[in-house]
Amino acid sequence: MMNKKYLIIVLFGFINTFAQLPEGFVYVKDIIPDIDVELRYYTSNNFIGIPIEGYKTNNLILTLETAIALNLVHKALEQQNLCLRVYDGFRPQRAVNHFVKWSINLNDTLNKHIFYPNVKKRFLFSEGYIASKSGHSRGSTVDLTIIDGNSGIPLDMGSPYDLFGEESWIAYEEISKKQKANRQLLQEIMLKYGFRNYPKEWWHFTLRGEPFPDTYFDFLIK
C-alpha cells in the first residue's frame, strides 16, 4: 500500500509537500492547482463569527484518495466550463471542540441571523447540524459548491453554504427548478466519482471507502 501511494505522489510531483503532513494526507492544490478554496473557518464568515481554532491558513488538506477523486470531479466540471469551490476539507478535532465550547454559551448568537435564523442554538447538535465528532476530522469529507468558470460566481443552490435549516436539506422542495437542477448536478457528479452526501447539507460529501474511517486527526491546517 505504501509503495502504491509513494508512486502516485511522485507522479503528481508533490513528495516534498506530502512529507510535511501526516501519512496519507496531501495539500489539494498540489493535485488540483486551479481549484477554488475558501476555507470559511479560517475567517470570521462562519456561524460562530470568529476564526476557528486549528485553521492557520487557507490551505485545503484532504486524504490522498479524496484529493484524487475530487480531481476527477473537477475535470468533469471543466468540460462544462464549471469549477469547484471548497469551503472546508480536513477539520482538526480542536476546531470541533471549539464548536462544542461555543455551543455551551446560549447567549453567544452573533451570526444566528445569517446561519441558523430558524433553528434555536440549543438544538444545533440534536438536529444534526453540528457534532462533537465530525467526518471532516477523518480527512475524507468536503464541503463544496460549483462555480461558473468565467465569473467565479457560485451556482444558485437555493440556500447559502452552512445555512442550518430545512432549506439546505436535499429533499427540500420549496426552491426553484433551476436551484433544484443545480443541486442535482452537484449530487450526481459527486456520486459518480465516489462520494456520498449528508441529506441535511447539500454541500457536504464524504468519500466512500475513506481510508481512515475510525480516526479523528488533530493536526493544524498550516
Protein backbone atom coordinates (compact mmCIF):
# COMPACT_ATOMS: atom_id res chain seq x y z
CA MET A 1 0.00 0.00 0.00
CA MET A 2 2.72 2.50 0.89
CA ASN A 3 4.60 1.77 -2.33
CA LYS A 4 1.45 2.47 -4.35
CA LYS A 5 0.87 5.78 -2.56
CA TYR A 6 4.51 6.74 -2.97
CA LEU A 7 4.32 6.14 -6.72
CA ILE A 8 1.18 8.29 -7.02
CA ILE A 9 2.85 11.07 -5.06
CA VAL A 10 5.89 11.08 -7.33
CA LEU A 11 3.66 11.18 -10.41
CA PHE A 12 1.86 14.25 -9.07
CA GLY A 13 5.16 15.88 -8.13
CA PHE A 14 4.44 16.83 -4.55
CA ILE A 15 6.55 14.46 -2.48
CA ASN A 16 8.24 17.32 -0.59
CA THR A 17 4.91 18.84 0.40
CA PHE A 18 3.48 15.47 1.39
CA ALA A 19 6.32 14.95 3.86
CA GLN A 20 5.05 17.91 5.91
CA LEU A 21 1.70 16.21 6.57
CA PRO A 22 0.69 13.00 8.35
CA GLU A 23 0.97 9.93 6.19
CA GLY A 24 -1.93 9.68 3.77
CA PHE A 25 -2.72 13.41 3.60
CA VAL A 26 -1.98 15.98 0.89
CA TYR A 27 -2.36 19.66 0.10
CA VAL A 28 -5.09 19.56 -2.53
CA LYS A 29 -3.61 22.42 -4.56
CA ASP A 30 -0.70 20.11 -5.35
CA ILE A 31 -3.13 17.87 -7.23
CA ILE A 32 -5.71 20.43 -8.41
CA PRO A 33 -3.77 23.70 -8.80
CA ASP A 34 -6.73 25.73 -10.06
CA ILE A 35 -9.32 24.60 -7.50
CA ASP A 36 -11.02 27.50 -5.73
CA VAL A 37 -10.53 27.30 -1.96
CA GLU A 38 -12.36 29.47 0.55
CA LEU A 39 -11.98 27.89 3.97
CA ARG A 40 -14.73 29.66 5.89
CA TYR A 41 -13.44 28.57 9.30
CA TYR A 42 -10.17 30.35 8.63
CA THR A 43 -12.22 33.57 8.52
CA SER A 44 -14.96 35.21 10.57
CA ASN A 45 -17.54 34.41 7.88
CA ASN A 46 -18.98 31.39 9.69
CA PHE A 47 -21.73 30.51 12.13
CA ILE A 48 -19.61 31.38 15.19
CA GLY A 49 -18.35 34.68 13.79
CA ILE A 50 -14.61 34.36 14.50
CA PRO A 51 -11.75 32.28 13.02
CA ILE A 52 -11.87 28.71 14.33
CA GLU A 53 -9.12 27.02 16.30
CA GLY A 54 -6.73 24.97 14.17
CA TYR A 55 -7.17 26.95 10.93
CA LYS A 56 -3.89 28.83 10.44
CA THR A 57 -4.08 29.32 6.68
CA ASN A 58 -6.37 28.86 3.68
CA ASN A 59 -4.72 25.57 2.63
CA LEU A 60 -7.12 22.76 1.74
CA ILE A 61 -5.94 19.41 3.11
CA LEU A 62 -7.53 16.02 2.39
CA THR A 63 -6.56 12.38 2.27
CA LEU A 64 -4.76 11.41 -0.91
CA GLU A 65 -7.63 9.21 -2.09
CA THR A 66 -10.15 12.01 -1.62
CA ALA A 67 -8.00 14.54 -3.47
CA ILE A 68 -7.61 12.19 -6.42
CA ALA A 69 -11.38 11.57 -6.59
CA LEU A 70 -12.05 15.29 -6.28
CA ASN A 71 -9.70 15.93 -9.20
CA LEU A 72 -11.90 13.71 -11.37
CA VAL A 73 -14.94 15.76 -10.35
CA HIS A 74 -13.11 18.98 -11.11
CA LYS A 75 -12.00 17.81 -14.56
CA ALA A 76 -15.51 16.65 -15.43
CA LEU A 77 -16.97 20.03 -14.46
CA GLU A 78 -14.36 21.85 -16.52
CA GLN A 79 -15.88 20.22 -19.61
CA GLN A 80 -18.98 22.34 -18.85
CA ASN A 81 -16.97 25.50 -18.07
CA LEU A 82 -17.66 24.97 -14.37
CA CYS A 83 -15.32 24.59 -11.38
CA LEU A 84 -15.37 23.60 -7.74
CA ARG A 85 -15.21 25.92 -4.78
CA VAL A 86 -14.36 24.19 -1.49
CA TYR A 87 -15.43 25.70 1.83
CA ASP A 88 -13.97 23.04 4.12
CA GLY A 89 -11.96 19.85 3.98
CA PHE A 90 -9.90 18.35 6.77
CA ARG A 91 -11.04 19.88 10.08
CA PRO A 92 -8.84 19.41 13.16
CA GLN A 93 -10.55 17.90 16.20
CA ARG A 94 -9.65 21.06 18.12
CA ALA A 95 -11.89 23.00 15.71
CA VAL A 96 -14.77 20.66 16.50
CA ASN A 97 -14.02 21.14 20.20
CA HIS A 98 -14.25 24.89 19.57
CA PHE A 99 -17.78 24.34 18.23
CA VAL A 100 -18.69 22.39 21.35
CA LYS A 101 -17.35 25.08 23.70
CA TRP A 102 -19.22 27.75 21.74
CA SER A 103 -22.48 25.81 21.98
CA ILE A 104 -22.46 25.94 25.79
CA ASN A 105 -22.97 29.72 25.86
CA LEU A 106 -26.52 30.04 24.56
CA ASN A 107 -26.24 33.83 24.60
CA ASP A 108 -23.44 33.86 22.01
CA THR A 109 -25.54 34.13 18.86
CA LEU A 110 -23.56 36.69 16.88
CA ASN A 111 -24.30 35.18 13.45
CA LYS A 112 -27.60 33.45 14.16
CA HIS A 113 -29.47 35.72 11.74
CA ILE A 114 -27.20 34.55 8.91
CA PHE A 115 -26.53 30.87 9.54
CA TYR A 116 -29.33 29.48 11.74
CA PRO A 117 -32.18 32.01 11.74
CA ASN A 118 -34.91 29.40 12.21
CA VAL A 119 -33.13 26.93 14.49
CA LYS A 120 -32.59 27.55 18.20
CA LYS A 121 -28.93 27.33 19.12
CA ARG A 122 -29.53 24.68 21.77
CA PHE A 123 -30.90 22.36 19.08
CA LEU A 124 -27.98 22.59 16.61
CA PHE A 125 -26.44 19.36 17.95
CA SER A 126 -29.64 17.38 18.47
CA GLU A 127 -30.90 18.24 14.99
CA GLY A 128 -27.65 17.08 13.35
CA TYR A 129 -26.13 20.35 12.15
CA ILE A 130 -23.09 20.17 14.46
CA ALA A 131 -21.47 17.11 16.05
CA SER A 132 -18.80 16.54 18.71
CA LYS A 133 -17.12 14.17 16.24
CA SER A 134 -17.01 15.21 12.60
CA GLY A 135 -16.27 13.23 9.47
CA HIS A 136 -14.17 16.20 8.41
CA SER A 137 -11.61 15.24 11.06
CA ARG A 138 -11.08 11.92 9.28
CA GLY A 139 -9.85 13.84 6.24
CA SER A 140 -12.16 12.49 3.54
CA THR A 141 -15.12 14.85 3.84
CA VAL A 142 -15.52 18.08 1.87
CA ASP A 143 -17.96 20.97 1.86
CA LEU A 144 -18.21 22.47 -1.62
CA THR A 145 -20.23 24.00 -4.39
CA ILE A 146 -19.97 24.64 -8.13
CA ILE A 147 -18.94 27.99 -9.58
CA ASP A 148 -19.09 29.47 -13.07
CA GLY A 149 -15.75 29.00 -14.81
CA ASN A 150 -15.69 32.55 -16.20
CA SER A 151 -17.17 34.71 -13.45
CA GLY A 152 -16.34 32.61 -10.39
CA ILE A 153 -19.89 33.14 -9.16
CA PRO A 154 -21.41 30.13 -7.33
CA LEU A 155 -24.40 28.43 -8.91
CA ASP A 156 -27.63 29.18 -7.05
CA MET A 157 -28.28 26.19 -4.80
CA GLY A 158 -31.34 27.62 -3.09
CA SER A 159 -29.59 28.32 0.21
CA PRO A 160 -26.12 29.58 1.14
CA TYR A 161 -23.34 27.39 2.47
CA ASP A 162 -23.69 26.48 6.16
CA LEU A 163 -27.28 27.64 6.46
CA PHE A 164 -28.61 25.30 9.14
CA GLY A 165 -32.25 24.53 8.40
CA GLU A 166 -34.62 22.66 6.14
CA GLU A 167 -33.77 24.97 3.24
CA SER A 168 -30.43 23.16 2.94
CA TRP A 169 -31.84 19.64 3.01
CA ILE A 170 -31.51 17.69 -0.22
CA ALA A 171 -35.20 16.79 -0.11
CA TYR A 172 -36.36 20.40 0.38
CA GLU A 173 -38.95 21.21 -2.29
CA GLU A 174 -39.58 24.96 -1.83
CA ILE A 175 -36.89 26.10 -4.27
CA SER A 176 -36.98 26.90 -7.97
CA LYS A 177 -36.49 24.42 -10.80
CA LYS A 178 -33.11 25.96 -11.59
CA GLN A 179 -31.97 25.66 -7.98
CA LYS A 180 -33.09 22.02 -7.92
CA ALA A 181 -31.22 21.39 -11.17
CA ASN A 182 -28.04 22.93 -9.75
CA ARG A 183 -28.28 20.77 -6.64
CA GLN A 184 -28.94 17.72 -8.79
CA LEU A 185 -25.86 18.44 -10.91
CA LEU A 186 -23.69 18.61 -7.80
CA GLN A 187 -25.20 15.46 -6.31
CA GLU A 188 -24.87 13.43 -9.50
CA ILE A 189 -21.29 14.34 -10.30
CA MET A 190 -20.09 13.76 -6.74
CA LEU A 191 -21.88 10.40 -6.61
CA LYS A 192 -20.37 9.43 -9.97
CA TYR A 193 -16.85 9.83 -8.63
CA GLY A 194 -17.30 8.02 -5.35
CA PHE A 195 -18.79 10.46 -2.84
CA ARG A 196 -21.91 10.18 -0.69
CA ASN A 197 -23.93 13.14 0.57
CA TYR A 198 -25.24 14.14 4.01
CA PRO A 199 -29.00 14.67 3.43
CA LYS A 200 -29.29 17.80 5.63
CA GLU A 201 -26.49 19.68 3.84
CA TRP A 202 -26.44 19.89 0.04
CA TRP A 203 -22.71 20.86 0.18
CA HIS A 204 -21.41 18.01 2.39
CA PHE A 205 -19.81 14.89 0.85
CA THR A 206 -17.69 12.00 2.14
CA LEU A 207 -15.58 9.65 0.04
CA ARG A 208 -16.94 6.11 0.02
CA GLY A 209 -14.37 3.68 1.39
CA GLU A 210 -12.50 6.51 3.14
CA PRO A 211 -9.01 5.42 4.31
CA PHE A 212 -9.37 6.47 7.98
CA PRO A 213 -12.99 5.66 8.91
CA ASP A 214 -12.32 5.46 12.65
CA THR A 215 -9.55 8.04 13.18
CA TYR A 216 -10.10 11.69 14.12
CA PHE A 217 -6.96 13.75 13.46
CA ASP A 218 -5.95 16.97 15.21
CA PHE A 219 -3.03 18.49 13.31
CA LEU A 220 -3.04 22.18 12.40
CA ILE A 221 -4.03 23.49 8.99
CA LYS A 222 -0.91 25.46 8.06
